[in-house]
Amino acid sequence: MSYGTTGGPRYCERCGGTFFPKYDYAKLCYPCWRRRQDAEGLLDIAEMEISRLKEIAAEAERRAAMARGQAEGIPADMLKVMLLLCHPDKHGNSQASNRVTTWLLQQRGKSA
């Protein structure tokens, strides 16, 4: 039995044991109150871990989606349009247009 400084004995709402409350608002004996506090602390820790794991899962999904997008390549119809837009004949046979056209032609085998 715990002895407090406020009022007479009370019955703990959790275990039904008699206790002398330290505070007027106390409804639990100290052992039951302590167990509840410990459980709430563990719950807080578990919720933080769940949030952390959700963030990790979201990041993994984002990376997987990016990897799938890269693996699929450029769609064939989009590749054709891109080749037409950057073809060296339309850009004075510039070095940049030759480089981009060469890269796009290499993507043909990778296109969806």
PDB file of N, CA and C in Angstrom:
ATOM      1  N   MET A   1       0.837  -1.173   0.000  1.00  0.00           N
ATOM      2  CA  MET A   1       0.000   0.000   0.000  1.00  0.00           C
ATOM      3  C   MET A   1       0.883   1.238   0.000  1.00  0.00           C
ATOM      4  N   SER A   2       0.578   2.201  -0.896  1.00  0.00           N
ATOM      5  CA  SER A   2       1.313   3.454  -0.965  1.00  0.00           C
ATOM      6  C   SER A   2       0.647   4.469  -0.069  1.00  0.00           C
ATOM      7  N   TYR A   3       1.431   5.320   0.558  1.00  0.00           N
ATOM      8  CA  TYR A   3       0.876   6.350   1.431  1.00  0.00           C
ATOM      9  C   TYR A   3       1.175   7.714   0.842  1.00  0.00           C
ATOM     10  N   GLY A   4       0.128   8.511   0.667  1.00  0.00           N
ATOM     11  CA  GLY A   4       0.270   9.843   0.137  1.00  0.00           C
ATOM     12  C   GLY A   4      -0.102  10.883   1.165  1.00  0.00           C
ATOM     13  N   THR A   5      -0.229  12.093   0.715  1.00  0.00           N
ATOM     14  CA  THR A   5      -0.493  13.205   1.626  1.00  0.00           C
ATOM     15  C   THR A   5      -1.897  13.763   1.477  1.00  0.00           C
ATOM     16  N   THR A   6      -2.705  13.215   0.555  1.00  0.00           N
ATOM     17  CA  THR A   6      -4.005  13.804   0.262  1.00  0.00           C
ATOM     18  C   THR A   6      -5.135  12.859   0.637  1.00  0.00           C
ATOM     19  N   GLY A   7      -6.077  13.339   1.422  1.00  0.00           N
ATOM     20  CA  GLY A   7      -7.311  12.610   1.718  1.00  0.00           C
ATOM     21  C   GLY A   7      -7.115  11.224   2.290  1.00  0.00           C
ATOM     22  N   GLY A   8      -8.208  10.478   2.248  1.00  0.00           N
ATOM     23  CA  GLY A   8      -8.187   9.121   2.771  1.00  0.00           C
ATOM     24  C   GLY A   8      -7.891   8.111   1.683  1.00  0.00           C
ATOM     25  N   PRO A   9      -8.050   6.848   2.019  1.00  0.00           N
ATOM     26  CA  PRO A   9      -7.736   5.787   1.059  1.00  0.00           C
ATOM     27  C   PRO A   9      -8.722   5.772  -0.112  1.00  0.00           C
ATOM     28  N   ARG A  10      -8.234   5.303  -1.255  1.00  0.00           N
ATOM     29  CA  ARG A  10      -9.055   5.130  -2.464  1.00  0.00           C
ATOM     30  C   ARG A  10      -8.802   3.738  -3.020  1.00  0.00           C
ATOM     31  N   TYR A  11      -9.651   3.375  -3.962  1.00  0.00           N
ATOM     32  CA  TYR A  11      -9.459   2.103  -4.655  1.00  0.00           C
ATOM     33  C   TYR A  11      -8.924   2.392  -6.051  1.00  0.00           C
ATOM     34  N   CYS A  12      -7.903   1.681  -6.424  1.00  0.00           N
ATOM     35  CA  CYS A  12      -7.288   1.830  -7.750  1.00  0.00           C
ATOM     36  C   CYS A  12      -8.276   1.367  -8.819  1.00  0.00           C
ATOM     37  N   GLU A  13      -8.451   2.184  -9.859  1.00  0.00           N
ATOM     38  CA  GLU A  13      -9.372   1.840 -10.945  1.00  0.00           C
ATOM     39  C   GLU A  13      -8.880   0.656 -11.776  1.00  0.00           C
ATOM     40  N   ARG A  14      -7.631   0.374 -11.724  1.00  0.00           N
ATOM     41  CA  ARG A  14      -7.088  -0.708 -12.541  1.00  0.00           C
ATOM     42  C   ARG A  14      -7.065  -2.033 -11.773  1.00  0.00           C
ATOM     43  N   CYS A  15      -6.451  -2.039 -10.612  1.00  0.00           N
ATOM     44  CA  CYS A  15      -6.286  -3.302  -9.885  1.00  0.00           C
ATOM     45  C   CYS A  15      -7.261  -3.476  -8.722  1.00  0.00           C
ATOM     46  N   GLY A  16      -7.937  -2.390  -8.351  1.00  0.00           N
ATOM     47  CA  GLY A  16      -8.887  -2.471  -7.247  1.00  0.00           C
ATOM     48  C   GLY A  16      -8.260  -2.399  -5.870  1.00  0.00           C
ATOM     49  N   GLY A  17      -6.939  -2.289  -5.807  1.00  0.00           N
ATOM     50  CA  GLY A  17      -6.245  -2.218  -4.522  1.00  0.00           C
ATOM     51  C   GLY A  17      -6.465  -0.872  -3.839  1.00  0.00           C
ATOM     52  N   THR A  18      -6.266  -0.859  -2.550  1.00  0.00           N
ATOM     53  CA  THR A  18      -6.400   0.366  -1.776  1.00  0.00           C
ATOM     54  C   THR A  18      -5.092   1.135  -1.825  1.00  0.00           C
ATOM     55  N   PHE A  19      -5.202   2.453  -1.976  1.00  0.00           N
ATOM     56  CA  PHE A  19      -4.003   3.293  -1.944  1.00  0.00           C
ATOM     57  C   PHE A  19      -4.360   4.653  -1.381  1.00  0.00           C
ATOM     58  N   PHE A  20      -3.367   5.349  -0.906  1.00  0.00           N
ATOM     59  CA  PHE A  20      -3.532   6.703  -0.404  1.00  0.00           C
ATOM     60  C   PHE A  20      -2.937   7.639  -1.442  1.00  0.00           C
ATOM     61  N   PRO A  21      -3.790   8.399  -2.141  1.00  0.00           N
ATOM     62  CA  PRO A  21      -3.296   9.216  -3.252  1.00  0.00           C
ATOM     63  C   PRO A  21      -2.422  10.379  -2.802  1.00  0.00           C
ATOM     64  N   LYS A  22      -1.413  10.621  -3.591  1.00  0.00           N
ATOM     65  CA  LYS A  22      -0.548  11.770  -3.364  1.00  0.00           C
ATOM     66  C   LYS A  22      -1.212  13.039  -3.891  1.00  0.00           C
ATOM     67  N   TYR A  23      -2.052  12.879  -4.915  1.00  0.00           N
ATOM     68  CA  TYR A  23      -2.751  14.011  -5.539  1.00  0.00           C
ATOM     69  C   TYR A  23      -4.252  13.755  -5.501  1.00  0.00           C
ATOM     70  N   ASP A  24      -5.039  14.823  -5.437  1.00  0.00           N
ATOM     71  CA  ASP A  24      -6.494  14.694  -5.382  1.00  0.00           C
ATOM     72  C   ASP A  24      -7.065  13.998  -6.615  1.00  0.00           C
ATOM     73  N   TYR A  25      -6.436  14.177  -7.761  1.00  0.00           N
ATOM     74  CA  TYR A  25      -6.957  13.629  -9.018  1.00  0.00           C
ATOM     75  C   TYR A  25      -6.504  12.184  -9.282  1.00  0.00           C
ATOM     76  N   ALA A  26      -5.674  11.629  -8.411  1.00  0.00           N
ATOM     77  CA  ALA A  26      -5.139  10.280  -8.632  1.00  0.00           C
ATOM     78  C   ALA A  26      -6.243   9.232  -8.612  1.00  0.00           C
ATOM     79  N   LYS A  27      -6.250   8.367  -9.640  1.00  0.00           N
ATOM     80  CA  LYS A  27      -7.240   7.302  -9.716  1.00  0.00           C
ATOM     81  C   LYS A  27      -6.590   5.924  -9.767  1.00  0.00           C
ATOM     82  N   LEU A  28      -5.266   5.917  -9.877  1.00  0.00           N
ATOM     83  CA  LEU A  28      -4.520   4.662  -9.930  1.00  0.00           C
ATOM     84  C   LEU A  28      -3.491   4.634  -8.813  1.00  0.00           C
ATOM     85  N   CYS A  29      -3.243   3.436  -8.294  1.00  0.00           N
ATOM     86  CA  CYS A  29      -2.151   3.302  -7.333  1.00  0.00           C
ATOM     87  C   CYS A  29      -0.830   3.497  -8.083  1.00  0.00           C
ATOM     88  N   TYR A  30       0.239   3.746  -7.364  1.00  0.00           N
ATOM     89  CA  TYR A  30       1.508   4.036  -8.031  1.00  0.00           C
ATOM     90  C   TYR A  30       1.965   2.905  -8.955  1.00  0.00           C
ATOM     91  N   PRO A  31       1.935   1.626  -8.516  1.00  0.00           N
ATOM     92  CA  PRO A  31       2.394   0.563  -9.437  1.00  0.00           C
ATOM     93  C   PRO A  31       1.590   0.527 -10.751  1.00  0.00           C
ATOM     94  N   CYS A  32       0.268   0.701 -10.666  1.00  0.00           N
ATOM     95  CA  CYS A  32      -0.545   0.694 -11.891  1.00  0.00           C
ATOM     96  C   CYS A  32      -0.263   1.929 -12.736  1.00  0.00           C
ATOM     97  N   TRP A  33      -0.112   3.071 -12.070  1.00  0.00           N
ATOM     98  CA  TRP A  33       0.217   4.301 -12.786  1.00  0.00           C
ATOM     99  C   TRP A  33       1.556   4.152 -13.501  1.00  0.00           C
ATOM    100  N   ARG A  34       2.555   3.587 -12.823  1.00  0.00           N
ATOM    101  CA  ARG A  34       3.887   3.411 -13.409  1.00  0.00           C
ATOM    102  C   ARG A  34       3.824   2.486 -14.628  1.00  0.00           C
ATOM    103  N   ARG A  35       3.071   1.381 -14.517  1.00  0.00           N
ATOM    104  CA  ARG A  35       2.936   0.458 -15.653  1.00  0.00           C
ATOM    105  C   ARG A  35       2.287   1.169 -16.846  1.00  0.00           C
ATOM    106  N   ARG A  36       1.260   2.001 -16.574  1.00  0.00           N
ATOM    107  CA  ARG A  36       0.610   2.732 -17.648  1.00  0.00           C
ATOM    108  C   ARG A  36       1.584   3.720 -18.295  1.00  0.00           C
ATOM    109  N   GLN A  37       2.364   4.420 -17.484  1.00  0.00           N
ATOM    110  CA  GLN A  37       3.350   5.360 -18.028  1.00  0.00           C
ATOM    111  C   GLN A  37       4.377   4.624 -18.883  1.00  0.00           C
ATOM    112  N   ASP A  38       4.849   3.481 -18.401  1.00  0.00           N
ATOM    113  CA  ASP A  38       5.826   2.695 -19.167  1.00  0.00           C
ATOM    114  C   ASP A  38       5.225   2.221 -20.485  1.00  0.00           C
ATOM    115  N   ALA A  39       3.963   1.782 -20.438  1.00  0.00           N
ATOM    116  CA  ALA A  39       3.297   1.313 -21.653  1.00  0.00           C
ATOM    117  C   ALA A  39       3.114   2.460 -22.642  1.00  0.00           C
ATOM    118  N   GLU A  40       2.738   3.641 -22.149  1.00  0.00           N
ATOM    119  CA  GLU A  40       2.582   4.789 -23.035  1.00  0.00           C
ATOM    120  C   GLU A  40       3.921   5.190 -23.646  1.00  0.00           C
ATOM    121  N   GLY A  41       4.992   5.084 -22.876  1.00  0.00           N
ATOM    122  CA  GLY A  41       6.329   5.376 -23.407  1.00  0.00           C
ATOM    123  C   GLY A  41       6.712   4.402 -24.501  1.00  0.00           C
ATOM    124  N   LEU A  42       6.395   3.114 -24.275  1.00  0.00           N
ATOM    125  CA  LEU A  42       6.681   2.106 -25.307  1.00  0.00           C
ATOM    126  C   LEU A  42       5.839   2.348 -26.552  1.00  0.00           C
ATOM    127  N   LEU A  43       4.601   2.776 -26.341  1.00  0.00           N
ATOM    128  CA  LEU A  43       3.735   3.084 -27.480  1.00  0.00           C
ATOM    129  C   LEU A  43       4.301   4.235 -28.297  1.00  0.00           C
ATOM    130  N   ASP A  44       4.779   5.269 -27.611  1.00  0.00           N
ATOM    131  CA  ASP A  44       5.401   6.399 -28.318  1.00  0.00           C
ATOM    132  C   ASP A  44       6.604   5.937 -29.138  1.00  0.00           C
ATOM    133  N   ILE A  45       7.424   5.090 -28.540  1.00  0.00           N
ATOM    134  CA  ILE A  45       8.607   4.567 -29.235  1.00  0.00           C
ATOM    135  C   ILE A  45       8.173   3.751 -30.456  1.00  0.00           C
ATOM    136  N   ALA A  46       7.154   2.911 -30.275  1.00  0.00           N
ATOM    137  CA  ALA A  46       6.666   2.084 -31.383  1.00  0.00           C
ATOM    138  C   ALA A  46       6.111   2.950 -32.513  1.00  0.00           C
ATOM    139  N   GLU A  47       5.375   4.009 -32.163  1.00  0.00           N
ATOM    140  CA  GLU A  47       4.820   4.897 -33.193  1.00  0.00           C
ATOM    141  C   GLU A  47       5.924   5.619 -33.953  1.00  0.00           C
ATOM    142  N   MET A  48       6.979   6.025 -33.248  1.00  0.00           N
ATOM    143  CA  MET A  48       8.108   6.669 -33.932  1.00  0.00           C
ATOM    144  C   MET A  48       8.792   5.685 -34.873  1.00  0.00           C
ATOM    145  N   GLU A  49       8.926   4.433 -34.432  1.00  0.00           N
ATOM    146  CA  GLU A  49       9.559   3.411 -35.278  1.00  0.00           C
ATOM    147  C   GLU A  49       8.692   3.134 -36.507  1.00  0.00           C
ATOM    148  N   ILE A  50       7.384   3.094 -36.331  1.00  0.00           N
ATOM    149  CA  ILE A  50       6.481   2.889 -37.466  1.00  0.00           C
ATOM    150  C   ILE A  50       6.634   4.027 -38.472  1.00  0.00           C
ATOM    151  N   SER A  51       6.693   5.251 -37.991  1.00  0.00           N
ATOM    152  CA  SER A  51       6.872   6.401 -38.882  1.00  0.00           C
ATOM    153  C   SER A  51       8.191   6.303 -39.634  1.00  0.00           C
ATOM    154  N   ARG A  52       9.248   5.928 -38.923  1.00  0.00           N
ATOM    155  CA  ARG A  52      10.568   5.796 -39.546  1.00  0.00           C
ATOM    156  C   ARG A  52      10.537   4.719 -40.629  1.00  0.00           C
ATOM    157  N   LEU A  53       9.913   3.584 -40.319  1.00  0.00           N
ATOM    158  CA  LEU A  53       9.849   2.495 -41.294  1.00  0.00           C
ATOM    159  C   LEU A  53       8.980   2.868 -42.499  1.00  0.00           C
ATOM    160  N   LYS A  54       7.917   3.648 -42.272  1.00  0.00           N
ATOM    161  CA  LYS A  54       7.096   4.115 -43.396  1.00  0.00           C
ATOM    162  C   LYS A  54       7.903   5.020 -44.314  1.00  0.00           C
ATOM    163  N   GLU A  55       8.745   5.871 -43.727  1.00  0.00           N
ATOM    164  CA  GLU A  55       9.596   6.745 -44.537  1.00  0.00           C
ATOM    165  C   GLU A  55      10.588   5.920 -45.348  1.00  0.00           C
ATOM    166  N   ILE A  56      11.168   4.901 -44.734  1.00  0.00           N
ATOM    167  CA  ILE A  56      12.113   4.026 -45.439  1.00  0.00           C
ATOM    168  C   ILE A  56      11.399   3.304 -46.581  1.00  0.00           C
ATOM    169  N   ALA A  57      10.190   2.801 -46.313  1.00  0.00           N
ATOM    170  CA  ALA A  57       9.430   2.096 -47.350  1.00  0.00           C
ATOM    171  C   ALA A  57       9.069   3.031 -48.500  1.00  0.00           C
ATOM    172  N   ALA A  58       8.683   4.259 -48.169  1.00  0.00           N
ATOM    173  CA  ALA A  58       8.336   5.223 -49.215  1.00  0.00           C
ATOM    174  C   ALA A  58       9.552   5.549 -50.075  1.00  0.00           C
ATOM    175  N   GLU A  59      10.692   5.714 -49.444  1.00  0.00           N
ATOM    176  CA  GLU A  59      11.927   5.993 -50.193  1.00  0.00           C
ATOM    177  C   GLU A  59      12.295   4.799 -51.078  1.00  0.00           C
ATOM    178  N   ALA A  60      12.153   3.590 -50.551  1.00  0.00           N
ATOM    179  CA  ALA A  60      12.455   2.392 -51.338  1.00  0.00           C
ATOM    180  C   ALA A  60      11.507   2.282 -52.530  1.00  0.00           C
ATOM    181  N   GLU A  61      10.235   2.598 -52.316  1.00  0.00           N
ATOM    182  CA  GLU A  61       9.269   2.564 -53.413  1.00  0.00           C
ATOM    183  C   GLU A  61       9.601   3.616 -54.462  1.00  0.00           C
ATOM    184  N   ARG A  62       9.996   4.802 -53.997  1.00  0.00           N
ATOM    185  CA  ARG A  62      10.369   5.866 -54.931  1.00  0.00           C
ATOM    186  C   ARG A  62      11.562   5.432 -55.774  1.00  0.00           C
ATOM    187  N   ARG A  63      12.553   4.839 -55.129  1.00  0.00           N
ATOM    188  CA  ARG A  63      13.739   4.371 -55.872  1.00  0.00           C
ATOM    189  C   ARG A  63      13.395   3.247 -56.828  1.00  0.00           C
ATOM    190  N   ALA A  64      12.522   2.346 -56.397  1.00  0.00           N
ATOM    191  CA  ALA A  64      12.112   1.239 -57.273  1.00  0.00           C
ATOM    192  C   ALA A  64      11.357   1.770 -58.487  1.00  0.00           C
ATOM    193  N   ALA A  65      10.501   2.770 -58.263  1.00  0.00           N
ATOM    194  CA  ALA A  65       9.761   3.358 -59.375  1.00  0.00           C
ATOM    195  C   ALA A  65      10.716   4.027 -60.351  1.00  0.00           C
ATOM    196  N   MET A  66      11.728   4.705 -59.825  1.00  0.00           N
ATOM    197  CA  MET A  66      12.721   5.334 -60.701  1.00  0.00           C
ATOM    198  C   MET A  66      13.474   4.272 -61.488  1.00  0.00           C
ATOM    199  N   ALA A  67      13.837   3.189 -60.819  1.00  0.00           N
ATOM    200  CA  ALA A  67      14.574   2.118 -61.495  1.00  0.00           C
ATOM    201  C   ALA A  67      13.710   1.481 -62.584  1.00  0.00           C
ATOM    202  N   ARG A  68      12.427   1.283 -62.287  1.00  0.00           N
ATOM    203  CA  ARG A  68      11.529   0.723 -63.306  1.00  0.00           C
ATOM    204  C   ARG A  68      11.424   1.666 -64.497  1.00  0.00           C
ATOM    205  N   GLY A  69      11.346   2.949 -64.224  1.00  0.00           N
ATOM    206  CA  GLY A  69      11.253   3.941 -65.295  1.00  0.00           C
ATOM    207  C   GLY A  69      12.492   3.934 -66.165  1.00  0.00           C
ATOM    208  N   GLN A  70      13.664   3.802 -65.575  1.00  0.00           N
ATOM    209  CA  GLN A  70      14.910   3.767 -66.329  1.00  0.00           C
ATOM    210  C   GLN A  70      15.005   2.476 -67.126  1.00  0.00           C
ATOM    211  N   ALA A  71      14.556   1.377 -66.542  1.00  0.00           N
ATOM    212  CA  ALA A  71      14.650   0.087 -67.214  1.00  0.00           C
ATOM    213  C   ALA A  71      13.715   0.033 -68.423  1.00  0.00           C
ATOM    214  N   GLU A  72      12.606   0.751 -68.355  1.00  0.00           N
ATOM    215  CA  GLU A  72      11.654   0.721 -69.459  1.00  0.00           C
ATOM    216  C   GLU A  72      12.155   1.493 -70.671  1.00  0.00           C
ATOM    217  N   GLY A  73      13.019   2.451 -70.471  1.00  0.00           N
ATOM    218  CA  GLY A  73      13.547   3.227 -71.583  1.00  0.00           C
ATOM    219  C   GLY A  73      12.552   4.254 -72.086  1.00  0.00           C
ATOM    220  N   ILE A  74      12.895   4.854 -73.199  1.00  0.00           N
ATOM    221  CA  ILE A  74      12.062   5.897 -73.804  1.00  0.00           C
ATOM    222  C   ILE A  74      11.047   5.216 -74.715  1.00  0.00           C
ATOM    223  N   PRO A  75       9.764   5.560 -74.589  1.00  0.00           N
ATOM    224  CA  PRO A  75       8.764   4.964 -75.484  1.00  0.00           C
ATOM    225  C   PRO A  75       9.126   5.249 -76.948  1.00  0.00           C
ATOM    226  N   ALA A  76       8.879   4.287 -77.811  1.00  0.00           N
ATOM    227  CA  ALA A  76       9.284   4.369 -79.217  1.00  0.00           C
ATOM    228  C   ALA A  76       8.734   5.612 -79.908  1.00  0.00           C
ATOM    229  N   ASP A  77       7.462   5.952 -79.664  1.00  0.00           N
ATOM    230  CA  ASP A  77       6.893   7.122 -80.338  1.00  0.00           C
ATOM    231  C   ASP A  77       7.558   8.414 -79.860  1.00  0.00           C
ATOM    232  N   MET A  78       7.899   8.481 -78.571  1.00  0.00           N
ATOM    233  CA  MET A  78       8.580   9.655 -78.031  1.00  0.00           C
ATOM    234  C   MET A  78      10.006   9.732 -78.577  1.00  0.00           C
ATOM    235  N   LEU A  79      10.666   8.597 -78.722  1.00  0.00           N
ATOM    236  CA  LEU A  79      12.028   8.553 -79.256  1.00  0.00           C
ATOM    237  C   LEU A  79      12.053   9.094 -80.689  1.00  0.00           C
ATOM    238  N   LYS A  80      11.055   8.712 -81.476  1.00  0.00           N
ATOM    239  CA  LYS A  80      10.988   9.186 -82.861  1.00  0.00           C
ATOM    240  C   LYS A  80      10.855  10.706 -82.908  1.00  0.00           C
ATOM    241  N   VAL A  81       9.984  11.257 -82.059  1.00  0.00           N
ATOM    242  CA  VAL A  81       9.781  12.707 -82.008  1.00  0.00           C
ATOM    243  C   VAL A  81      11.068  13.398 -81.559  1.00  0.00           C
ATOM    244  N   MET A  82      11.717  12.852 -80.566  1.00  0.00           N
ATOM    245  CA  MET A  82      12.954  13.452 -80.058  1.00  0.00           C
ATOM    246  C   MET A  82      14.045  13.453 -81.125  1.00  0.00           C
ATOM    247  N   LEU A  83      14.153  12.365 -81.876  1.00  0.00           N
ATOM    248  CA  LEU A  83      15.148  12.303 -82.950  1.00  0.00           C
ATOM    249  C   LEU A  83      14.865  13.349 -84.027  1.00  0.00           C
ATOM    250  N   LEU A  84      13.581  13.518 -84.353  1.00  0.00           N
ATOM    251  CA  LEU A  84      13.221  14.526 -85.345  1.00  0.00           C
ATOM    252  C   LEU A  84      13.556  15.933 -84.859  1.00  0.00           C
ATOM    253  N   LEU A  85      13.331  16.192 -83.568  1.00  0.00           N
ATOM    254  CA  LEU A  85      13.559  17.532 -83.031  1.00  0.00           C
ATOM    255  C   LEU A  85      15.036  17.897 -82.899  1.00  0.00           C
ATOM    256  N   CYS A  86      15.880  16.905 -82.629  1.00  0.00           N
ATOM    257  CA  CYS A  86      17.292  17.247 -82.394  1.00  0.00           C
ATOM    258  C   CYS A  86      18.221  16.815 -83.538  1.00  0.00           C
ATOM    259  N   HIS A  87      17.682  16.335 -84.630  1.00  0.00           N
ATOM    260  CA  HIS A  87      18.520  15.831 -85.727  1.00  0.00           C
ATOM    261  C   HIS A  87      19.522  16.902 -86.187  1.00  0.00           C
ATOM    262  N   PRO A  88      20.779  16.488 -86.450  1.00  0.00           N
ATOM    263  CA  PRO A  88      21.810  17.445 -86.859  1.00  0.00           C
ATOM    264  C   PRO A  88      21.452  18.255 -88.112  1.00  0.00           C
ATOM    265  N   ASP A  89      20.692  17.684 -89.019  1.00  0.00           N
ATOM    266  CA  ASP A  89      20.300  18.429 -90.222  1.00  0.00           C
ATOM    267  C   ASP A  89      19.500  19.685 -89.879  1.00  0.00           C
ATOM    268  N   LYS A  90      18.796  19.662 -88.763  1.00  0.00           N
ATOM    269  CA  LYS A  90      17.974  20.814 -88.359  1.00  0.00           C
ATOM    270  C   LYS A  90      18.747  21.794 -87.479  1.00  0.00           C
ATOM    271  N   HIS A  91      19.988  21.434 -87.113  1.00  0.00           N
ATOM    272  CA  HIS A  91      20.769  22.286 -86.197  1.00  0.00           C
ATOM    273  C   HIS A  91      22.178  22.558 -86.723  1.00  0.00           C
ATOM    274  N   GLY A  92      22.267  22.696 -88.024  1.00  0.00           N
ATOM    275  CA  GLY A  92      23.547  23.056 -88.641  1.00  0.00           C
ATOM    276  C   GLY A  92      24.658  22.054 -88.355  1.00  0.00           C
ATOM    277  N   ASN A  93      24.284  20.797 -88.193  1.00  0.00           N
ATOM    278  CA  ASN A  93      25.256  19.731 -87.945  1.00  0.00           C
ATOM    279  C   ASN A  93      26.146  20.037 -86.719  1.00  0.00           C
ATOM    280  N   SER A  94      25.524  20.648 -85.690  1.00  0.00           N
ATOM    281  CA  SER A  94      26.287  21.039 -84.498  1.00  0.00           C
ATOM    282  C   SER A  94      26.763  19.806 -83.725  1.00  0.00           C
ATOM    283  N   GLN A  95      27.831  20.006 -82.981  1.00  0.00           N
ATOM    284  CA  GLN A  95      28.401  18.915 -82.189  1.00  0.00           C
ATOM    285  C   GLN A  95      27.380  18.416 -81.162  1.00  0.00           C
ATOM    286  N   ALA A  96      26.653  19.327 -80.527  1.00  0.00           N
ATOM    287  CA  ALA A  96      25.662  18.946 -79.515  1.00  0.00           C
ATOM    288  C   ALA A  96      24.544  18.105 -80.129  1.00  0.00           C
ATOM    289  N   SER A  97      24.039  18.510 -81.277  1.00  0.00           N
ATOM    290  CA  SER A  97      22.949  17.747 -81.892  1.00  0.00           C
ATOM    291  C   SER A  97      23.435  16.368 -82.341  1.00  0.00           C
ATOM    292  N   ASN A  98      24.686  16.275 -82.819  1.00  0.00           N
ATOM    293  CA  ASN A  98      25.250  14.967 -83.173  1.00  0.00           C
ATOM    294  C   ASN A  98      25.363  14.069 -81.937  1.00  0.00           C
ATOM    295  N   ARG A  99      25.826  14.656 -80.828  1.00  0.00           N
ATOM    296  CA  ARG A  99      25.999  13.876 -79.594  1.00  0.00           C
ATOM    297  C   ARG A  99      24.650  13.375 -79.072  1.00  0.00           C
ATOM    298  N   VAL A 100      23.648  14.240 -79.052  1.00  0.00           N
ATOM    299  CA  VAL A 100      22.327  13.857 -78.548  1.00  0.00           C
ATOM    300  C   VAL A 100      21.676  12.830 -79.480  1.00  0.00           C
ATOM    301  N   THR A 101      21.786  13.032 -80.787  1.00  0.00           N
ATOM    302  CA  THR A 101      21.211  12.085 -81.739  1.00  0.00           C
ATOM    303  C   THR A 101      21.860  10.711 -81.592  1.00  0.00           C
ATOM    304  N   THR A 102      23.173  10.676 -81.421  1.00  0.00           N
ATOM    305  CA  THR A 102      23.873   9.402 -81.220  1.00  0.00           C
ATOM    306  C   THR A 102      23.349   8.706 -79.965  1.00  0.00           C
ATOM    307  N   TRP A 103      23.188   9.476 -78.883  1.00  0.00           N
ATOM    308  CA  TRP A 103      22.693   8.886 -77.627  1.00  0.00           C
ATOM    309  C   TRP A 103      21.276   8.363 -77.806  1.00  0.00           C
ATOM    310  N   LEU A 104      20.417   9.128 -78.489  1.00  0.00           N
ATOM    311  CA  LEU A 104      19.053   8.702 -78.704  1.00  0.00           C
ATOM    312  C   LEU A 104      18.988   7.439 -79.550  1.00  0.00           C
ATOM    313  N   LEU A 105      19.840   7.359 -80.542  1.00  0.00           N
ATOM    314  CA  LEU A 105      19.869   6.135 -81.375  1.00  0.00           C
ATOM    315  C   LEU A 105      20.285   4.920 -80.553  1.00  0.00           C
ATOM    316  N   GLN A 106      21.157   5.122 -79.575  1.00  0.00           N
ATOM    317  CA  GLN A 106      21.560   4.027 -78.684  1.00  0.00           C
ATOM    318  C   GLN A 106      20.398   3.590 -77.802  1.00  0.00           C
ATOM    319  N   GLN A 107      19.464   4.490 -77.560  1.00  0.00           N
ATOM    320  CA  GLN A 107      18.330   4.163 -76.689  1.00  0.00           C
ATOM    321  C   GLN A 107      17.271   3.317 -77.410  1.00  0.00           C
ATOM    322  N   ARG A 108      17.365   3.232 -78.736  1.00  0.00           N
ATOM    323  CA  ARG A 108      16.368   2.457 -79.490  1.00  0.00           C
ATOM    324  C   ARG A 108      16.235   1.037 -78.973  1.00  0.00           C
ATOM    325  N   GLY A 109      17.352   0.392 -78.682  1.00  0.00           N
ATOM    326  CA  GLY A 109      17.315  -0.989 -78.184  1.00  0.00           C
ATOM    327  C   GLY A 109      16.715  -1.081 -76.788  1.00  0.00           C
ATOM    328  N   LYS A 110      16.726   0.020 -76.058  1.00  0.00           N
ATOM    329  CA  LYS A 110      16.211   0.028 -74.689  1.00  0.00           C
ATOM    330  C   LYS A 110      14.760   0.498 -74.633  1.00  0.00           C
ATOM    331  N   SER A 111      14.242   1.012 -75.745  1.00  0.00           N
ATOM    332  CA  SER A 111      12.900   1.621 -75.697  1.00  0.00           C
ATOM    333  C   SER A 111      11.828   0.550 -75.540  1.00  0.00           C
ATOM    334  N   ALA A 112      10.707   1.018 -74.980  1.00  0.00           N
ATOM    335  CA  ALA A 112       9.584   0.106 -74.701  1.00  0.00           C
ATOM    336  C   ALA A 112       8.785  -0.171 -75.946  1.00  0.00           C
TER     337      ALA A 112
END
